[in-house]
Amino acid sequence: MSRKCQLSGKKAQSGMRYSFLRAHFNPTAKRKFQVNLQTVRTTVNGKKVKLKVSASFIKAHPEIRCGIILPLKRKDRNKVNKLIAQQQAAKQ
């Protein structure tokens, strides 16, 4: 499974690794900035679900920790419903 936030869709970004050479910053190699993913157990529509969510999303939406997810946009609601369906299929 890729390192991707299941609710916000955040994923790794690429950038440059810098070295300090002769009083100048010198971009030397490419690197990846990974997402800070946290596993959160919540209840969605009365069902217990484990989600991998980015820390910034948890900070912006503290109600996730309480076990309540109230997606406002239709596409967010569809994501959550798909995740629940996938987890139920995996259990069976």
C-alpha atoms as a PDB file:
ATOM      1  CA  MET A   1       0.000   0.000   0.000  1.00  0.00           C
ATOM      2  CA  SER A   2       1.364   3.403  -0.906  1.00  0.00           C
ATOM      3  CA  ARG A   3       2.057   6.071   1.709  1.00  0.00           C
ATOM      4  CA  LYS A   4      -1.011   8.159   1.038  1.00  0.00           C
ATOM      5  CA  CYS A   5      -3.550   9.803   3.325  1.00  0.00           C
ATOM      6  CA  GLN A   6      -6.857   7.983   2.933  1.00  0.00           C
ATOM      7  CA  LEU A   7      -8.977  11.067   3.568  1.00  0.00           C
ATOM      8  CA  SER A   8      -7.105  14.046   2.148  1.00  0.00           C
ATOM      9  CA  GLY A   9      -5.180  12.220  -0.597  1.00  0.00           C
ATOM     10  CA  LYS A  10      -1.811  13.666   0.429  1.00  0.00           C
ATOM     11  CA  LYS A  11       1.209  11.718  -0.835  1.00  0.00           C
ATOM     12  CA  ALA A  12       4.999  12.010  -0.975  1.00  0.00           C
ATOM     13  CA  GLN A  13       6.555  15.010  -2.703  1.00  0.00           C
ATOM     14  CA  SER A  14       9.936  15.097  -4.401  1.00  0.00           C
ATOM     15  CA  GLY A  15      12.622  17.683  -3.778  1.00  0.00           C
ATOM     16  CA  MET A  16      16.375  18.164  -3.666  1.00  0.00           C
ATOM     17  CA  ARG A  17      18.906  17.212  -0.986  1.00  0.00           C
ATOM     18  CA  TYR A  18      21.202  20.131  -0.251  1.00  0.00           C
ATOM     19  CA  SER A  19      24.780  20.148   0.950  1.00  0.00           C
ATOM     20  CA  PHE A  20      26.640  23.132   2.329  1.00  0.00           C
ATOM     21  CA  LEU A  21      29.743  23.498   0.180  1.00  0.00           C
ATOM     22  CA  ARG A  22      32.119  26.474   0.284  1.00  0.00           C
ATOM     23  CA  ALA A  23      29.576  28.859   1.827  1.00  0.00           C
ATOM     24  CA  HIS A  24      26.930  27.996  -0.803  1.00  0.00           C
ATOM     25  CA  PHE A  25      23.991  25.638  -0.741  1.00  0.00           C
ATOM     26  CA  ASN A  26      24.498  23.080  -3.458  1.00  0.00           C
ATOM     27  CA  PRO A  27      21.606  20.826  -4.588  1.00  0.00           C
ATOM     28  CA  THR A  28      23.213  17.402  -4.912  1.00  0.00           C
ATOM     29  CA  ALA A  29      20.554  14.688  -5.156  1.00  0.00           C
ATOM     30  CA  LYS A  30      16.837  14.111  -5.356  1.00  0.00           C
ATOM     31  CA  ARG A  31      14.903  12.962  -2.308  1.00  0.00           C
ATOM     32  CA  LYS A  32      11.320  12.345  -1.197  1.00  0.00           C
ATOM     33  CA  PHE A  33       9.432  14.208   1.490  1.00  0.00           C
ATOM     34  CA  GLN A  34       7.151  11.550   2.987  1.00  0.00           C
ATOM     35  CA  VAL A  35       3.747  12.207   4.548  1.00  0.00           C
ATOM     36  CA  ASN A  36       3.486  11.955   8.337  1.00  0.00           C
ATOM     37  CA  LEU A  37       0.852   9.196   8.467  1.00  0.00           C
ATOM     38  CA  GLN A  38      -0.863   8.156  11.680  1.00  0.00           C
ATOM     39  CA  THR A  39      -3.200   5.200  12.148  1.00  0.00           C
ATOM     40  CA  VAL A  40      -6.498   6.335  13.648  1.00  0.00           C
ATOM     41  CA  ARG A  41      -9.311   4.111  14.865  1.00  0.00           C
ATOM     42  CA  THR A  42     -12.638   5.838  14.417  1.00  0.00           C
ATOM     43  CA  THR A  43     -16.296   5.054  14.008  1.00  0.00           C
ATOM     44  CA  VAL A  44     -17.822   5.933  10.678  1.00  0.00           C
ATOM     45  CA  ASN A  45     -21.571   5.553  10.334  1.00  0.00           C
ATOM     46  CA  GLY A  46     -21.577   3.378  13.459  1.00  0.00           C
ATOM     47  CA  LYS A  47     -18.823   1.006  12.238  1.00  0.00           C
ATOM     48  CA  LYS A  48     -15.302   0.828  13.651  1.00  0.00           C
ATOM     49  CA  VAL A  49     -12.671   1.556  11.000  1.00  0.00           C
ATOM     50  CA  LYS A  50      -8.880   1.967  10.947  1.00  0.00           C
ATOM     51  CA  LEU A  51      -7.671   4.799   8.725  1.00  0.00           C
ATOM     52  CA  LYS A  52      -4.209   6.028   7.793  1.00  0.00           C
ATOM     53  CA  VAL A  53      -4.484   9.806   8.017  1.00  0.00           C
ATOM     54  CA  SER A  54      -1.870  12.549   7.727  1.00  0.00           C
ATOM     55  CA  ALA A  55      -1.015  14.417  10.931  1.00  0.00           C
ATOM     56  CA  SER A  56      -1.906  17.772   9.382  1.00  0.00           C
ATOM     57  CA  PHE A  57      -5.400  16.467   8.522  1.00  0.00           C
ATOM     58  CA  ILE A  58      -5.849  15.243  12.111  1.00  0.00           C
ATOM     59  CA  LYS A  59      -4.761  18.660  13.389  1.00  0.00           C
ATOM     60  CA  ALA A  60      -7.211  20.443  11.094  1.00  0.00           C
ATOM     61  CA  HIS A  61     -10.081  18.050  11.939  1.00  0.00           C
ATOM     62  CA  PRO A  62      -9.788  17.081  15.632  1.00  0.00           C
ATOM     63  CA  GLU A  63     -13.219  15.427  15.557  1.00  0.00           C
ATOM     64  CA  ILE A  64     -11.603  12.435  13.823  1.00  0.00           C
ATOM     65  CA  ARG A  65      -9.893  11.409  17.090  1.00  0.00           C
ATOM     66  CA  CYS A  66     -13.245  11.479  18.878  1.00  0.00           C
ATOM     67  CA  GLY A  67     -14.614   8.901  16.470  1.00  0.00           C
ATOM     68  CA  ILE A  68     -16.842  11.212  14.473  1.00  0.00           C
ATOM     69  CA  ILE A  69     -16.212  11.964  10.831  1.00  0.00           C
ATOM     70  CA  LEU A  70     -18.573  14.423   9.238  1.00  0.00           C
ATOM     71  CA  PRO A  71     -17.413  14.870   5.642  1.00  0.00           C
ATOM     72  CA  LEU A  72     -18.962  17.965   4.162  1.00  0.00           C
ATOM     73  CA  LYS A  73     -18.178  17.352   0.508  1.00  0.00           C
ATOM     74  CA  ARG A  74     -19.721  14.530  -1.504  1.00  0.00           C
ATOM     75  CA  LYS A  75     -16.360  13.258  -2.788  1.00  0.00           C
ATOM     76  CA  ASP A  76     -15.073  12.949   0.818  1.00  0.00           C
ATOM     77  CA  ARG A  77     -18.189  11.004   1.776  1.00  0.00           C
ATOM     78  CA  ASN A  78     -17.635   8.669  -1.189  1.00  0.00           C
ATOM     79  CA  LYS A  79     -13.998   8.062  -0.134  1.00  0.00           C
ATOM     80  CA  VAL A  80     -15.061   7.095   3.379  1.00  0.00           C
ATOM     81  CA  ASN A  81     -17.800   4.790   2.093  1.00  0.00           C
ATOM     82  CA  LYS A  82     -15.346   3.066  -0.282  1.00  0.00           C
ATOM     83  CA  LEU A  83     -12.878   2.542   2.563  1.00  0.00           C
ATOM     84  CA  ILE A  84     -15.562   0.961   4.737  1.00  0.00           C
ATOM     85  CA  ALA A  85     -16.609  -1.344   1.894  1.00  0.00           C
ATOM     86  CA  GLN A  86     -12.988  -2.396   1.245  1.00  0.00           C
ATOM     87  CA  GLN A  87     -12.335  -3.169   4.906  1.00  0.00           C
ATOM     88  CA  GLN A  88     -15.526  -5.195   5.211  1.00  0.00           C
ATOM     89  CA  ALA A  89     -14.593  -7.182   2.093  1.00  0.00           C
ATOM     90  CA  ALA A  90     -11.121  -7.831   3.514  1.00  0.00           C
ATOM     91  CA  LYS A  91     -12.576  -9.194   6.763  1.00  0.00           C
ATOM     92  CA  GLN A  92     -14.814 -11.668   4.914  1.00  0.00           C
END
